Each structure stands twice: as structure tokens, then as C-alpha cells.
Amino acid sequence: MAQTIMVPAKTFEEILSRLDKLTRDVSAIKARLFEQEPLYGSKEWWEWSDKKALEEIKAGKGIKFDSAEEAIKWLNS
């Protein structure tokens, strides 16, 4: 049984736009989920690791210490 629904062109374009955004979002999520870590200790791994660390620092993740003593105190807590 075939049914036809009439949809205004503007609504159809909005649906397509949202589907396109969802497709891009899913692709980005899949890329993060299946990201391959380079061989540990290799030059590629160090570059990958540094890039990840800088991204985390820019995102405000991490802890800043003003002295070694402060860091040791935090580690022992």
C-alpha cells in the first residue's frame, strides 16, 4: 500500500539539512570511536600523544601545580 504525503519545500529542505548534520555528527563520532593509536613509543605515537595532550589542556582538563611540593602533596592525597 503506497501512501503519499505532501510536504512544503521549505520543510523538506530543513529535513535534508538536519539529516546532513546528523550524518556528519555520526561520522565524527565513529572516527573517535575507532581511532587507532599508533605503535607505542614510535615517532607517530609521540606526535599523536602530544596532540591529544594539547587538546585536553585547551579544553581545560588537567591540573596545574605551582611547585613540585604541591604536585607531590596532590599525588599523596
N, C-alpha and C. Protein backbone atom coordinates (compact mmCIF):
# COMPACT_ATOMS: atom_id res chain seq x y z
N MET A 1 0.85 -1.16 0.00
CA MET A 1 0.00 0.00 0.00
C MET A 1 0.90 1.24 0.00
N ALA A 2 0.81 2.00 -1.04
CA ALA A 2 1.62 3.21 -1.19
C ALA A 2 0.83 4.42 -0.70
N GLN A 3 1.49 5.23 0.11
CA GLN A 3 0.87 6.45 0.60
C GLN A 3 1.78 7.62 0.25
N THR A 4 1.17 8.73 -0.10
CA THR A 4 1.92 9.92 -0.47
C THR A 4 1.57 11.03 0.51
N ILE A 5 2.60 11.73 0.95
CA ILE A 5 2.41 12.85 1.85
C ILE A 5 2.96 14.10 1.17
N MET A 6 2.20 15.16 1.20
CA MET A 6 2.64 16.42 0.62
C MET A 6 3.36 17.22 1.72
N VAL A 7 4.59 17.62 1.43
CA VAL A 7 5.40 18.38 2.38
C VAL A 7 5.88 19.64 1.69
N PRO A 8 5.77 20.79 2.35
CA PRO A 8 6.26 22.03 1.73
C PRO A 8 7.77 21.92 1.46
N ALA A 9 8.22 22.58 0.42
CA ALA A 9 9.62 22.53 0.01
C ALA A 9 10.55 22.98 1.13
N LYS A 10 10.16 24.02 1.86
CA LYS A 10 10.99 24.53 2.95
C LYS A 10 11.17 23.47 4.04
N THR A 11 10.10 22.78 4.39
CA THR A 11 10.17 21.72 5.39
C THR A 11 11.06 20.59 4.91
N PHE A 12 10.93 20.22 3.65
CA PHE A 12 11.74 19.16 3.07
C PHE A 12 13.22 19.54 3.10
N GLU A 13 13.52 20.79 2.77
CA GLU A 13 14.92 21.25 2.81
C GLU A 13 15.46 21.23 4.24
N GLU A 14 14.63 21.58 5.21
CA GLU A 14 15.05 21.55 6.61
C GLU A 14 15.33 20.11 7.06
N ILE A 15 14.49 19.19 6.64
CA ILE A 15 14.70 17.77 6.96
C ILE A 15 16.02 17.29 6.38
N LEU A 16 16.27 17.62 5.12
CA LEU A 16 17.52 17.21 4.48
C LEU A 16 18.73 17.84 5.16
N SER A 17 18.60 19.09 5.58
CA SER A 17 19.69 19.78 6.27
C SER A 17 20.00 19.09 7.60
N ARG A 18 18.96 18.75 8.34
CA ARG A 18 19.16 18.07 9.63
C ARG A 18 19.76 16.68 9.43
N LEU A 19 19.31 15.97 8.41
CA LEU A 19 19.88 14.65 8.12
C LEU A 19 21.35 14.76 7.75
N ASP A 20 21.70 15.80 7.00
CA ASP A 20 23.10 16.01 6.62
C ASP A 20 23.96 16.27 7.86
N LYS A 21 23.45 17.10 8.78
CA LYS A 21 24.19 17.38 10.02
C LYS A 21 24.33 16.12 10.85
N LEU A 22 23.27 15.34 10.97
CA LEU A 22 23.33 14.09 11.73
C LEU A 22 24.35 13.13 11.12
N THR A 23 24.39 13.06 9.80
CA THR A 23 25.35 12.20 9.11
C THR A 23 26.77 12.62 9.44
N ARG A 24 27.04 13.93 9.42
CA ARG A 24 28.38 14.43 9.75
C ARG A 24 28.72 14.15 11.21
N ASP A 25 27.75 14.34 12.11
CA ASP A 25 27.98 14.08 13.54
C ASP A 25 28.29 12.61 13.79
N VAL A 26 27.53 11.72 13.17
CA VAL A 26 27.77 10.28 13.33
C VAL A 26 29.14 9.90 12.78
N SER A 27 29.53 10.48 11.66
CA SER A 27 30.85 10.20 11.09
C SER A 27 31.95 10.64 12.05
N ALA A 28 31.79 11.80 12.67
CA ALA A 28 32.79 12.29 13.62
C ALA A 28 32.87 11.38 14.84
N ILE A 29 31.73 10.93 15.32
CA ILE A 29 31.70 10.03 16.47
C ILE A 29 32.37 8.70 16.13
N LYS A 30 32.06 8.16 14.96
CA LYS A 30 32.68 6.90 14.53
C LYS A 30 34.19 7.05 14.42
N ALA A 31 34.64 8.18 13.92
CA ALA A 31 36.09 8.40 13.78
C ALA A 31 36.75 8.38 15.16
N ARG A 32 36.10 8.97 16.15
CA ARG A 32 36.67 8.98 17.51
C ARG A 32 36.63 7.59 18.14
N LEU A 33 35.54 6.85 17.90
CA LEU A 33 35.40 5.53 18.49
C LEU A 33 36.42 4.53 17.95
N PHE A 34 36.70 4.62 16.68
CA PHE A 34 37.57 3.64 16.03
C PHE A 34 38.95 4.19 15.73
N GLU A 35 39.32 5.28 16.43
CA GLU A 35 40.62 5.88 16.22
C GLU A 35 41.71 4.88 16.63
N GLN A 36 42.66 4.70 15.77
CA GLN A 36 43.76 3.77 16.03
C GLN A 36 44.92 4.50 16.67
N GLU A 37 45.39 3.98 17.78
CA GLU A 37 46.56 4.56 18.44
C GLU A 37 47.81 4.01 17.76
N PRO A 38 48.73 4.88 17.36
CA PRO A 38 49.97 4.41 16.73
C PRO A 38 50.78 3.52 17.69
N LEU A 39 51.73 2.80 17.15
CA LEU A 39 52.58 1.91 17.92
C LEU A 39 53.26 2.69 19.05
N TYR A 40 53.10 2.20 20.28
CA TYR A 40 53.63 2.89 21.45
C TYR A 40 55.13 3.15 21.31
N GLY A 41 55.53 4.38 21.59
CA GLY A 41 56.93 4.75 21.58
C GLY A 41 57.45 5.22 20.23
N SER A 42 56.66 5.01 19.17
CA SER A 42 57.10 5.43 17.84
C SER A 42 56.98 6.95 17.71
N LYS A 43 57.62 7.49 16.69
CA LYS A 43 57.54 8.93 16.44
C LYS A 43 56.08 9.35 16.24
N GLU A 44 55.32 8.52 15.51
CA GLU A 44 53.91 8.81 15.27
C GLU A 44 53.13 8.83 16.58
N TRP A 45 53.47 7.89 17.50
CA TRP A 45 52.77 7.83 18.78
C TRP A 45 53.02 9.10 19.58
N TRP A 46 54.29 9.56 19.62
CA TRP A 46 54.61 10.77 20.37
C TRP A 46 53.87 11.97 19.81
N GLU A 47 53.81 12.08 18.49
CA GLU A 47 53.08 13.19 17.87
C GLU A 47 51.60 13.11 18.21
N TRP A 48 51.03 11.90 18.12
CA TRP A 48 49.62 11.67 18.44
C TRP A 48 49.35 12.00 19.91
N SER A 49 50.23 11.54 20.79
CA SER A 49 50.08 11.76 22.22
C SER A 49 50.17 13.24 22.57
N ASP A 50 51.14 13.93 21.98
CA ASP A 50 51.28 15.37 22.23
C ASP A 50 50.05 16.14 21.76
N LYS A 51 49.53 15.77 20.59
CA LYS A 51 48.34 16.43 20.05
C LYS A 51 47.15 16.24 20.99
N LYS A 52 46.97 15.00 21.48
CA LYS A 52 45.87 14.72 22.41
C LYS A 52 46.03 15.52 23.70
N ALA A 53 47.25 15.58 24.21
CA ALA A 53 47.51 16.31 25.46
C ALA A 53 47.20 17.79 25.29
N LEU A 54 47.64 18.38 24.19
CA LEU A 54 47.38 19.80 23.95
C LEU A 54 45.88 20.08 23.81
N GLU A 55 45.15 19.15 23.18
CA GLU A 55 43.70 19.31 23.06
C GLU A 55 43.06 19.30 24.44
N GLU A 56 43.52 18.40 25.32
CA GLU A 56 42.95 18.33 26.66
C GLU A 56 43.28 19.59 27.47
N ILE A 57 44.49 20.10 27.31
CA ILE A 57 44.87 21.33 28.02
C ILE A 57 44.00 22.50 27.55
N LYS A 58 43.80 22.62 26.23
CA LYS A 58 42.96 23.70 25.70
C LYS A 58 41.53 23.58 26.18
N ALA A 59 41.07 22.33 26.41
CA ALA A 59 39.70 22.09 26.87
C ALA A 59 39.56 22.33 28.38
N GLY A 60 40.68 22.68 29.04
CA GLY A 60 40.62 22.97 30.46
C GLY A 60 40.73 21.74 31.35
N LYS A 61 41.07 20.61 30.76
CA LYS A 61 41.25 19.39 31.54
C LYS A 61 42.67 19.37 32.07
N GLY A 62 42.85 18.85 33.24
CA GLY A 62 44.19 18.76 33.80
C GLY A 62 44.31 19.59 35.06
N ILE A 63 45.45 19.45 35.70
CA ILE A 63 45.71 20.14 36.96
C ILE A 63 47.02 20.89 36.83
N LYS A 64 47.04 22.13 37.30
CA LYS A 64 48.25 22.94 37.26
C LYS A 64 48.82 23.05 38.67
N PHE A 65 50.12 22.83 38.78
CA PHE A 65 50.80 22.95 40.06
C PHE A 65 51.81 24.08 39.96
N ASP A 66 51.94 24.84 41.04
CA ASP A 66 52.90 25.95 41.08
C ASP A 66 54.26 25.52 41.63
N SER A 67 54.31 24.31 42.20
CA SER A 67 55.59 23.83 42.73
C SER A 67 55.58 22.30 42.74
N ALA A 68 56.78 21.74 42.82
CA ALA A 68 56.91 20.29 42.90
C ALA A 68 56.28 19.78 44.20
N GLU A 69 56.44 20.54 45.26
CA GLU A 69 55.88 20.13 46.55
C GLU A 69 54.36 20.03 46.47
N GLU A 70 53.75 20.98 45.79
CA GLU A 70 52.29 20.97 45.61
C GLU A 70 51.86 19.73 44.83
N ALA A 71 52.62 19.39 43.80
CA ALA A 71 52.31 18.20 42.99
C ALA A 71 52.46 16.93 43.82
N ILE A 72 53.52 16.84 44.61
CA ILE A 72 53.74 15.66 45.45
C ILE A 72 52.63 15.54 46.49
N LYS A 73 52.23 16.66 47.06
CA LYS A 73 51.14 16.65 48.04
C LYS A 73 49.86 16.13 47.40
N TRP A 74 49.58 16.58 46.18
CA TRP A 74 48.38 16.12 45.47
C TRP A 74 48.48 14.63 45.16
N LEU A 75 49.65 14.17 44.74
CA LEU A 75 49.84 12.75 44.43
C LEU A 75 49.65 11.87 45.66
N ASN A 76 50.06 12.36 46.81
CA ASN A 76 49.95 11.58 48.05
C ASN A 76 48.57 11.66 48.69
N SER A 77 47.71 12.50 48.17
CA SER A 77 46.37 12.64 48.77
C SER A 77 45.42 11.57 48.28
